[in-house]
Amino acid sequence: ASGRTHVTSVLGWFRQAPGKERVFVSAVTW
């Protein structure tokens, strides 16, 4: 990550398989 990261930021991982919707995998609070 670069730029303005705040204490309240949440970073999330998502994944998208062919022909599928983008779905949630995991997240962490900064």
PDB file of all heavy atoms in Angstrom:
ATOM      1  N   ALA A   1       0.828  -1.196   0.000  1.00  0.00           N
ATOM      2  CA  ALA A   1       0.000   0.000   0.000  1.00  0.00           C
ATOM      3  C   ALA A   1       0.864   1.248   0.000  1.00  0.00           C
ATOM      4  O   ALA A   1       1.889   1.307   0.678  1.00  0.00           O
ATOM      5  CB  ALA A   1      -0.929   0.018   1.210  1.00  0.00           C
ATOM      6  N   SER A   2       0.437   2.247  -0.750  1.00  0.00           N
ATOM      7  CA  SER A   2       1.090   3.549  -0.738  1.00  0.00           C
ATOM      8  C   SER A   2       0.022   4.626  -0.679  1.00  0.00           C
ATOM      9  O   SER A   2      -1.094   4.432  -1.153  1.00  0.00           O
ATOM     10  CB  SER A   2       1.978   3.739  -1.961  1.00  0.00           C
ATOM     11  OG  SER A   2       1.219   3.676  -3.161  1.00  0.00           O
ATOM     12  N   GLY A   3       0.357   5.762  -0.083  1.00  0.00           N
ATOM     13  CA  GLY A   3      -0.590   6.855   0.062  1.00  0.00           C
ATOM     14  C   GLY A   3      -1.002   7.046   1.504  1.00  0.00           C
ATOM     15  O   GLY A   3      -0.251   6.718   2.421  1.00  0.00           O
ATOM     16  N   ARG A   4      -2.211   7.549   1.686  1.00  0.00           N
ATOM     17  CA  ARG A   4      -2.688   7.922   3.018  1.00  0.00           C
ATOM     18  C   ARG A   4      -3.441   6.777   3.673  1.00  0.00           C
ATOM     19  O   ARG A   4      -4.637   6.576   3.430  1.00  0.00           O
ATOM     20  CB  ARG A   4      -3.577   9.166   2.921  1.00  0.00           C
ATOM     21  CG  ARG A   4      -2.906  10.360   2.252  1.00  0.00           C
ATOM     22  CD  ARG A   4      -1.697  10.833   3.051  1.00  0.00           C
ATOM     23  NE  ARG A   4      -1.043  11.966   2.414  1.00  0.00           N
ATOM     24  CZ  ARG A   4      -0.070  11.886   1.514  1.00  0.00           C
ATOM     25  NH1 ARG A   4       0.372  10.693   1.138  1.00  0.00           N
ATOM     26  NH2 ARG A   4       0.455  12.974   0.989  1.00  0.00           N
ATOM     27  N   THR A   5      -2.727   6.037   4.500  1.00  0.00           N
ATOM     28  CA  THR A   5      -3.322   4.947   5.271  1.00  0.00           C
ATOM     29  C   THR A   5      -3.683   5.450   6.664  1.00  0.00           C
ATOM     30  O   THR A   5      -2.841   6.020   7.353  1.00  0.00           O
ATOM     31  CB  THR A   5      -2.362   3.758   5.386  1.00  0.00           C
ATOM     32  OG1 THR A   5      -1.964   3.337   4.077  1.00  0.00           O
ATOM     33  CG2 THR A   5      -3.030   2.602   6.091  1.00  0.00           C
ATOM     34  N   HIS A   6      -4.921   5.237   7.071  1.00  0.00           N
ATOM     35  CA  HIS A   6      -5.417   5.732   8.346  1.00  0.00           C
ATOM     36  C   HIS A   6      -5.591   4.598   9.342  1.00  0.00           C
ATOM     37  O   HIS A   6      -5.727   3.431   8.956  1.00  0.00           O
ATOM     38  CB  HIS A   6      -6.747   6.461   8.155  1.00  0.00           C
ATOM     39  CG  HIS A   6      -6.674   7.627   7.234  1.00  0.00           C
ATOM     40  ND1 HIS A   6      -6.204   8.849   7.642  1.00  0.00           N
ATOM     41  CD2 HIS A   6      -7.005   7.751   5.928  1.00  0.00           C
ATOM     42  CE1 HIS A   6      -6.249   9.690   6.617  1.00  0.00           C
ATOM     43  NE2 HIS A   6      -6.733   9.046   5.573  1.00  0.00           N
ATOM     44  N   VAL A   7      -5.627   4.963  10.615  1.00  0.00           N
ATOM     45  CA  VAL A   7      -5.787   3.972  11.666  1.00  0.00           C
ATOM     46  C   VAL A   7      -7.103   3.223  11.520  1.00  0.00           C
ATOM     47  O   VAL A   7      -7.224   2.080  11.974  1.00  0.00           O
ATOM     48  CB  VAL A   7      -5.684   4.632  13.059  1.00  0.00           C
ATOM     49  CG1 VAL A   7      -6.874   5.544  13.318  1.00  0.00           C
ATOM     50  CG2 VAL A   7      -5.558   3.585  14.153  1.00  0.00           C
ATOM     51  N   THR A   8      -8.081   3.831  10.881  1.00  0.00           N
ATOM     52  CA  THR A   8      -9.387   3.210  10.694  1.00  0.00           C
ATOM     53  C   THR A   8      -9.489   2.392   9.405  1.00  0.00           C
ATOM     54  O   THR A   8     -10.554   1.855   9.105  1.00  0.00           O
ATOM     55  CB  THR A   8     -10.495   4.267  10.686  1.00  0.00           C
ATOM     56  OG1 THR A   8     -10.225   5.246   9.676  1.00  0.00           O
ATOM     57  CG2 THR A   8     -10.586   4.957  12.041  1.00  0.00           C
ATOM     58  N   SER A   9      -8.403   2.276   8.653  1.00  0.00           N
ATOM     59  CA  SER A   9      -8.434   1.538   7.397  1.00  0.00           C
ATOM     60  C   SER A   9      -8.635   0.049   7.619  1.00  0.00           C
ATOM     61  O   SER A   9      -8.172  -0.516   8.598  1.00  0.00           O
ATOM     62  CB  SER A   9      -7.145   1.757   6.606  1.00  0.00           C
ATOM     63  OG  SER A   9      -7.044   3.080   6.138  1.00  0.00           O
ATOM     64  N   VAL A  10      -9.334  -0.571   6.668  1.00  0.00           N
ATOM     65  CA  VAL A  10      -9.495  -2.018   6.617  1.00  0.00           C
ATOM     66  C   VAL A  10      -8.954  -2.495   5.277  1.00  0.00           C
ATOM     67  O   VAL A  10      -9.346  -1.982   4.228  1.00  0.00           O
ATOM     68  CB  VAL A  10     -10.965  -2.435   6.771  1.00  0.00           C
ATOM     69  CG1 VAL A  10     -11.124  -3.938   6.555  1.00  0.00           C
ATOM     70  CG2 VAL A  10     -11.494  -2.023   8.134  1.00  0.00           C
ATOM     71  N   LEU A  11      -8.064  -3.463   5.312  1.00  0.00           N
ATOM     72  CA  LEU A  11      -7.513  -4.051   4.101  1.00  0.00           C
ATOM     73  C   LEU A  11      -8.140  -5.423   3.901  1.00  0.00           C
ATOM     74  O   LEU A  11      -8.109  -6.253   4.812  1.00  0.00           O
ATOM     75  CB  LEU A  11      -5.996  -4.167   4.183  1.00  0.00           C
ATOM     76  CG  LEU A  11      -5.157  -2.916   3.852  1.00  0.00           C
ATOM     77  CD1 LEU A  11      -5.397  -2.491   2.413  1.00  0.00           C
ATOM     78  CD2 LEU A  11      -5.455  -1.767   4.800  1.00  0.00           C
ATOM     79  N   GLY A  12      -8.706  -5.645   2.729  1.00  0.00           N
ATOM     80  CA  GLY A  12      -9.410  -6.880   2.450  1.00  0.00           C
ATOM     81  C   GLY A  12      -8.855  -7.609   1.247  1.00  0.00           C
ATOM     82  O   GLY A  12      -8.332  -6.997   0.315  1.00  0.00           O
ATOM     83  N   TRP A  13      -8.963  -8.936   1.284  1.00  0.00           N
ATOM     84  CA  TRP A  13      -8.650  -9.798   0.149  1.00  0.00           C
ATOM     85  C   TRP A  13      -9.946 -10.374  -0.405  1.00  0.00           C
ATOM     86  O   TRP A  13     -10.779 -10.883   0.349  1.00  0.00           O
ATOM     87  CB  TRP A  13      -7.722 -10.942   0.556  1.00  0.00           C
ATOM     88  CG  TRP A  13      -6.300 -10.546   0.781  1.00  0.00           C
ATOM     89  CD1 TRP A  13      -5.692 -10.306   1.969  1.00  0.00           C
ATOM     90  CD2 TRP A  13      -5.300 -10.369  -0.231  1.00  0.00           C
ATOM     91  NE1 TRP A  13      -4.368  -9.991   1.767  1.00  0.00           N
ATOM     92  CE2 TRP A  13      -4.102 -10.019   0.429  1.00  0.00           C
ATOM     93  CE3 TRP A  13      -5.301 -10.474  -1.624  1.00  0.00           C
ATOM     94  CZ2 TRP A  13      -2.915  -9.769  -0.265  1.00  0.00           C
ATOM     95  CZ3 TRP A  13      -4.124 -10.222  -2.305  1.00  0.00           C
ATOM     96  CH2 TRP A  13      -2.950  -9.879  -1.629  1.00  0.00           C
ATOM     97  N   PHE A  14     -10.087 -10.286  -1.722  1.00  0.00           N
ATOM     98  CA  PHE A  14     -11.201 -10.873  -2.446  1.00  0.00           C
ATOM     99  C   PHE A  14     -10.652 -11.742  -3.561  1.00  0.00           C
ATOM    100  O   PHE A  14      -9.489 -11.617  -3.946  1.00  0.00           O
ATOM    101  CB  PHE A  14     -12.107  -9.788  -3.032  1.00  0.00           C
ATOM    102  CG  PHE A  14     -12.892  -9.020  -2.010  1.00  0.00           C
ATOM    103  CD1 PHE A  14     -12.278  -8.107  -1.174  1.00  0.00           C
ATOM    104  CD2 PHE A  14     -14.260  -9.210  -1.892  1.00  0.00           C
ATOM    105  CE1 PHE A  14     -12.997  -7.396  -0.235  1.00  0.00           C
ATOM    106  CE2 PHE A  14     -14.995  -8.503  -0.954  1.00  0.00           C
ATOM    107  CZ  PHE A  14     -14.363  -7.597  -0.126  1.00  0.00           C
ATOM    108  N   ARG A  15     -11.496 -12.626  -4.093  1.00  0.00           N
ATOM    109  CA  ARG A  15     -11.066 -13.425  -5.233  1.00  0.00           C
ATOM    110  C   ARG A  15     -12.212 -13.569  -6.222  1.00  0.00           C
ATOM    111  O   ARG A  15     -13.380 -13.498  -5.866  1.00  0.00           O
ATOM    112  CB  ARG A  15     -10.554 -14.796  -4.792  1.00  0.00           C
ATOM    113  CG  ARG A  15     -11.595 -15.705  -4.149  1.00  0.00           C
ATOM    114  CD  ARG A  15     -10.905 -16.925  -3.547  1.00  0.00           C
ATOM    115  NE  ARG A  15     -11.844 -17.886  -2.994  1.00  0.00           N
ATOM    116  CZ  ARG A  15     -11.491 -18.949  -2.285  1.00  0.00           C
ATOM    117  NH1 ARG A  15     -10.205 -19.190  -2.048  1.00  0.00           N
ATOM    118  NH2 ARG A  15     -12.420 -19.779  -1.820  1.00  0.00           N
ATOM    119  N   GLN A  16     -11.835 -13.767  -7.480  1.00  0.00           N
ATOM    120  CA  GLN A  16     -12.817 -13.897  -8.548  1.00  0.00           C
ATOM    121  C   GLN A  16     -12.377 -14.985  -9.513  1.00  0.00           C
ATOM    122  O   GLN A  16     -11.335 -14.864 -10.156  1.00  0.00           O
ATOM    123  CB  GLN A  16     -13.003 -12.569  -9.279  1.00  0.00           C
ATOM    124  CG  GLN A  16     -14.141 -12.564 -10.271  1.00  0.00           C
ATOM    125  CD  GLN A  16     -14.496 -11.164 -10.734  1.00  0.00           C
ATOM    126  OE1 GLN A  16     -13.721 -10.229 -10.583  1.00  0.00           O
ATOM    127  NE2 GLN A  16     -15.679 -11.014 -11.302  1.00  0.00           N
ATOM    128  N   ALA A  17     -13.168 -16.037  -9.595  1.00  0.00           N
ATOM    129  CA  ALA A  17     -12.928 -17.120 -10.529  1.00  0.00           C
ATOM    130  C   ALA A  17     -13.657 -16.833 -11.832  1.00  0.00           C
ATOM    131  O   ALA A  17     -14.620 -16.059 -11.857  1.00  0.00           O
ATOM    132  CB  ALA A  17     -13.395 -18.443  -9.935  1.00  0.00           C
ATOM    133  N   PRO A  18     -13.240 -17.450 -12.942  1.00  0.00           N
ATOM    134  CA  PRO A  18     -13.904 -17.215 -14.227  1.00  0.00           C
ATOM    135  C   PRO A  18     -15.408 -17.471 -14.155  1.00  0.00           C
ATOM    136  O   PRO A  18     -15.842 -18.509 -13.657  1.00  0.00           O
ATOM    137  CB  PRO A  18     -13.222 -18.216 -15.153  1.00  0.00           C
ATOM    138  CG  PRO A  18     -11.867 -18.412 -14.555  1.00  0.00           C
ATOM    139  CD  PRO A  18     -12.094 -18.355 -13.074  1.00  0.00           C
ATOM    140  N   GLY A  19     -16.188 -16.510 -14.628  1.00  0.00           N
ATOM    141  CA  GLY A  19     -17.628 -16.640 -14.644  1.00  0.00           C
ATOM    142  C   GLY A  19     -18.302 -16.469 -13.295  1.00  0.00           C
ATOM    143  O   GLY A  19     -19.511 -16.693 -13.184  1.00  0.00           O
ATOM    144  N   LYS A  20     -17.549 -16.072 -12.275  1.00  0.00           N
ATOM    145  CA  LYS A  20     -18.088 -15.934 -10.928  1.00  0.00           C
ATOM    146  C   LYS A  20     -18.008 -14.495 -10.444  1.00  0.00           C
ATOM    147  O   LYS A  20     -17.273 -13.678 -10.989  1.00  0.00           O
ATOM    148  CB  LYS A  20     -17.319 -16.831  -9.950  1.00  0.00           C
ATOM    149  CG  LYS A  20     -17.326 -18.306 -10.297  1.00  0.00           C
ATOM    150  CD  LYS A  20     -18.686 -18.926 -10.080  1.00  0.00           C
ATOM    151  CE  LYS A  20     -18.627 -20.432 -10.266  1.00  0.00           C
ATOM    152  NZ  LYS A  20     -19.937 -21.062 -10.008  1.00  0.00           N
ATOM    153  N   GLU A  21     -18.780 -14.193  -9.403  1.00  0.00           N
ATOM    154  CA  GLU A  21     -18.716 -12.891  -8.757  1.00  0.00           C
ATOM    155  C   GLU A  21     -17.455 -12.780  -7.919  1.00  0.00           C
ATOM    156  O   GLU A  21     -16.889 -13.782  -7.486  1.00  0.00           O
ATOM    157  CB  GLU A  21     -19.938 -12.687  -7.861  1.00  0.00           C
ATOM    158  CG  GLU A  21     -21.269 -12.667  -8.579  1.00  0.00           C
ATOM    159  CD  GLU A  21     -21.502 -11.368  -9.302  1.00  0.00           C
ATOM    160  OE1 GLU A  21     -21.026 -10.323  -8.820  1.00  0.00           O
ATOM    161  OE2 GLU A  21     -22.160 -11.390 -10.352  1.00  0.00           O
ATOM    162  N   ARG A  22     -17.016 -11.546  -7.684  1.00  0.00           N
ATOM    163  CA  ARG A  22     -15.916 -11.306  -6.768  1.00  0.00           C
ATOM    164  C   ARG A  22     -16.415 -11.541  -5.343  1.00  0.00           C
ATOM    165  O   ARG A  22     -17.424 -10.957  -4.931  1.00  0.00           O
ATOM    166  CB  ARG A  22     -15.389  -9.880  -6.919  1.00  0.00           C
ATOM    167  CG  ARG A  22     -14.135  -9.604  -6.098  1.00  0.00           C
ATOM    168  CD  ARG A  22     -13.528  -8.247  -6.428  1.00  0.00           C
ATOM    169  NE  ARG A  22     -13.103  -8.165  -7.821  1.00  0.00           N
ATOM    170  CZ  ARG A  22     -12.404  -7.166  -8.338  1.00  0.00           C
ATOM    171  NH1 ARG A  22     -12.022  -6.150  -7.557  1.00  0.00           N
ATOM    172  NH2 ARG A  22     -12.086  -7.170  -9.619  1.00  0.00           N
ATOM    173  N   VAL A  23     -15.728 -12.402  -4.603  1.00  0.00           N
ATOM    174  CA  VAL A  23     -16.182 -12.792  -3.274  1.00  0.00           C
ATOM    175  C   VAL A  23     -15.123 -12.515  -2.219  1.00  0.00           C
ATOM    176  O   VAL A  23     -13.923 -12.527  -2.488  1.00  0.00           O
ATOM    177  CB  VAL A  23     -16.593 -14.280  -3.209  1.00  0.00           C
ATOM    178  CG1 VAL A  23     -17.760 -14.550  -4.140  1.00  0.00           C
ATOM    179  CG2 VAL A  23     -15.419 -15.183  -3.546  1.00  0.00           C
ATOM    180  N   PHE A  24     -15.595 -12.299  -1.017  1.00  0.00           N
ATOM    181  CA  PHE A  24     -14.743 -11.981   0.114  1.00  0.00           C
ATOM    182  C   PHE A  24     -13.913 -13.174   0.549  1.00  0.00           C
ATOM    183  O   PHE A  24     -14.400 -14.305   0.568  1.00  0.00           O
ATOM    184  CB  PHE A  24     -15.623 -11.506   1.277  1.00  0.00           C
ATOM    185  CG  PHE A  24     -14.888 -11.281   2.562  1.00  0.00           C
ATOM    186  CD1 PHE A  24     -14.132 -10.133   2.747  1.00  0.00           C
ATOM    187  CD2 PHE A  24     -14.955 -12.199   3.589  1.00  0.00           C
ATOM    188  CE1 PHE A  24     -13.457  -9.911   3.930  1.00  0.00           C
ATOM    189  CE2 PHE A  24     -14.287 -11.993   4.776  1.00  0.00           C
ATOM    190  CZ  PHE A  24     -13.538 -10.838   4.943  1.00  0.00           C
ATOM    191  N   VAL A  25     -12.664 -12.906   0.918  1.00  0.00           N
ATOM    192  CA  VAL A  25     -11.775 -13.936   1.437  1.00  0.00           C
ATOM    193  C   VAL A  25     -11.385 -13.638   2.884  1.00  0.00           C
ATOM    194  O   VAL A  25     -11.581 -14.463   3.778  1.00  0.00           O
ATOM    195  CB  VAL A  25     -10.503 -14.078   0.583  1.00  0.00           C
ATOM    196  CG1 VAL A  25      -9.538 -15.082   1.210  1.00  0.00           C
ATOM    197  CG2 VAL A  25     -10.861 -14.492  -0.839  1.00  0.00           C
ATOM    198  N   SER A  26     -10.826 -12.447   3.114  1.00  0.00           N
ATOM    199  CA  SER A  26     -10.334 -12.106   4.441  1.00  0.00           C
ATOM    200  C   SER A  26     -10.131 -10.606   4.541  1.00  0.00           C
ATOM    201  O   SER A  26     -10.019  -9.915   3.531  1.00  0.00           O
ATOM    202  CB  SER A  26      -9.012 -12.840   4.717  1.00  0.00           C
ATOM    203  OG  SER A  26      -8.577 -12.639   6.046  1.00  0.00           O
ATOM    204  N   ALA A  27     -10.072 -10.094   5.773  1.00  0.00           N
ATOM    205  CA  ALA A  27      -9.816  -8.676   6.004  1.00  0.00           C
ATOM    206  C   ALA A  27      -9.119  -8.485   7.337  1.00  0.00           C
ATOM    207  O   ALA A  27      -9.250  -9.311   8.244  1.00  0.00           O
ATOM    208  CB  ALA A  27     -11.113  -7.870   5.974  1.00  0.00           C
ATOM    209  N   VAL A  28      -8.391  -7.380   7.452  1.00  0.00           N
ATOM    210  CA  VAL A  28      -7.699  -7.033   8.684  1.00  0.00           C
ATOM    211  C   VAL A  28      -7.803  -5.529   8.908  1.00  0.00           C
ATOM    212  O   VAL A  28      -7.702  -4.748   7.955  1.00  0.00           O
ATOM    213  CB  VAL A  28      -6.219  -7.490   8.650  1.00  0.00           C
ATOM    214  CG1 VAL A  28      -5.450  -6.793   7.528  1.00  0.00           C
ATOM    215  CG2 VAL A  28      -5.535  -7.233   9.993  1.00  0.00           C
ATOM    216  N   THR A  29      -8.010  -5.111  10.154  1.00  0.00           N
ATOM    217  CA  THR A  29      -7.997  -3.687  10.473  1.00  0.00           C
ATOM    218  C   THR A  29      -6.563  -3.227  10.642  1.00  0.00           C
ATOM    219  O   THR A  29      -5.751  -3.897  11.285  1.00  0.00           O
ATOM    220  CB  THR A  29      -8.797  -3.386  11.753  1.00  0.00           C
ATOM    221  OG1 THR A  29      -8.213  -4.073  12.873  1.00  0.00           O
ATOM    222  CG2 THR A  29     -10.244  -3.817  11.603  1.00  0.00           C
ATOM    223  N   TRP A  30      -6.249  -2.083  10.035  1.00  0.00           N
ATOM    224  CA  TRP A  30      -4.882  -1.587  10.060  1.00  0.00           C
ATOM    225  C   TRP A  30      -4.444  -1.215  11.463  1.00  0.00           C
ATOM    226  O   TRP A  30      -3.330  -1.505  11.873  1.00  0.00           O
ATOM    227  CB  TRP A  30      -4.734  -0.385   9.125  1.00  0.00           C
ATOM    228  CG  TRP A  30      -3.319  -0.021   8.860  1.00  0.00           C
ATOM    229  CD1 TRP A  30      -2.658   1.083   9.316  1.00  0.00           C
ATOM    230  CD2 TRP A  30      -2.374  -0.763   8.092  1.00  0.00           C
ATOM    231  NE1 TRP A  30      -1.365   1.079   8.872  1.00  0.00           N
ATOM    232  CE2 TRP A  30      -1.163  -0.051   8.118  1.00  0.00           C
ATOM    233  CE3 TRP A  30      -2.439  -1.961   7.375  1.00  0.00           C
ATOM    234  CZ2 TRP A  30      -0.021  -0.494   7.465  1.00  0.00           C
ATOM    235  CZ3 TRP A  30      -1.302  -2.409   6.731  1.00  0.00           C
ATOM    236  CH2 TRP A  30      -0.117  -1.682   6.778  1.00  0.00           C
TER     237      TRP A  30
END
